């Protein structure tokens, strides 16, 4: 799924070399799942609270996709692979 970055508002985007995670707090009401599963990336006690280099891209995708599919159907958070 593509996202028009010019139309993304009300949230933040976090990148590593492979992916961009778009986080929208009004949609991601269960973000605690992500930090429980992957604290090395999602740590609410740290600023910024997301470190996209804290784990592998595949592990980040696994956690975020699970959250989207199981916990947050219809959320505004999306993940996309960046084309190099």
Protein backbone atom coordinates (compact mmCIF):
# COMPACT_ATOMS: atom_id res chain seq x y z
CA UNK A 1 0.00 0.00 0.00
CA UNK A 2 1.43 3.35 -0.98
CA UNK A 3 1.09 6.46 1.12
CA UNK A 4 1.22 10.00 -0.18
CA UNK A 5 3.68 11.57 2.23
CA UNK A 6 2.30 15.02 1.43
CA UNK A 7 -1.09 13.96 2.76
CA UNK A 8 0.14 12.29 5.98
CA UNK A 9 -0.62 14.50 8.98
CA UNK A 10 -1.22 14.15 12.68
CA UNK A 11 1.65 11.74 13.21
CA UNK A 12 5.30 11.02 12.67
CA UNK A 13 7.37 8.94 10.35
CA UNK A 14 10.40 6.90 11.32
CA UNK A 15 12.84 5.42 8.78
CA UNK A 16 15.71 3.04 8.45
CA UNK A 17 17.46 2.10 5.20
CA UNK A 18 14.63 -0.23 4.13
CA UNK A 19 11.30 0.94 5.50
CA UNK A 20 9.32 3.87 6.81
CA UNK A 21 6.87 3.43 9.67
CA UNK A 22 4.11 6.02 9.85
CA UNK A 23 2.81 6.41 13.41
CA UNK A 24 -0.44 8.23 14.11
CA UNK A 25 -1.29 8.33 17.83
CA UNK A 26 -5.02 8.72 17.28
CA UNK A 27 -5.03 5.47 15.29
CA UNK A 28 -2.41 3.51 17.23
CA UNK A 29 -4.19 3.24 20.55
CA UNK A 30 -2.47 -0.06 21.34
CA UNK A 31 1.13 1.05 20.69
CA UNK A 32 2.07 -0.70 23.93
CA UNK A 33 2.00 -3.97 21.97
CA UNK A 34 4.92 -2.75 19.84
CA UNK A 35 7.10 -1.77 22.77
CA UNK A 36 6.30 -4.94 24.70
CA UNK A 37 7.33 -7.01 21.69
CA UNK A 38 10.27 -4.91 20.50
CA UNK A 39 11.56 -2.58 23.23
CA UNK A 40 14.87 -2.11 21.45
CA UNK A 41 12.95 -0.23 18.72
CA UNK A 42 9.86 1.15 20.51
CA UNK A 43 10.78 2.59 23.92
CA UNK A 44 8.40 5.21 25.35
CA UNK A 45 10.95 6.28 27.98
CA UNK A 46 13.37 7.41 25.23
CA UNK A 47 13.16 10.48 22.99
CA UNK A 48 12.64 9.95 20.19
CA UNK A 49 10.79 6.84 21.31
CA UNK A 50 11.33 4.95 18.03
CA UNK A 51 14.81 3.79 16.98
CA UNK A 52 14.44 2.14 13.59
CA UNK A 53 18.00 0.80 13.82
CA UNK A 54 17.31 -1.06 17.07
CA UNK A 55 16.37 -4.32 15.33
CA UNK A 56 16.21 -5.90 11.92
CA UNK A 57 13.83 -4.60 9.31
CA UNK A 58 12.14 -8.00 9.14
CA UNK A 59 11.46 -8.03 12.89
CA UNK A 60 10.06 -4.48 12.81
CA UNK A 61 7.77 -5.46 9.92
CA UNK A 62 6.66 -8.59 11.78
CA UNK A 63 5.67 -6.66 14.92
CA UNK A 64 4.01 -3.73 13.13
CA UNK A 65 2.10 -5.91 10.66
CA UNK A 66 0.84 -8.13 13.48
CA UNK A 67 -0.34 -5.06 15.36
CA UNK A 68 -2.09 -3.74 12.27
CA UNK A 69 -3.77 -7.00 11.34
CA UNK A 70 -4.71 -8.32 14.77
CA UNK A 71 -4.98 -5.35 17.09
CA UNK A 72 -5.68 -2.31 14.96
CA UNK A 73 -7.69 -3.15 11.89
CA UNK A 74 -8.18 -0.01 9.85
CA UNK A 75 -5.49 2.01 11.65
CA UNK A 76 -3.76 4.82 9.86
CA UNK A 77 -0.29 3.41 10.46
CA UNK A 78 1.28 1.91 7.37
CA UNK A 79 4.59 0.42 6.51
CA UNK A 80 6.16 0.37 3.11
CA UNK A 81 9.40 -0.88 1.63
CA UNK A 82 11.40 1.91 0.13
CA UNK A 83 12.52 1.35 -3.44
CA UNK A 84 16.22 1.89 -3.88
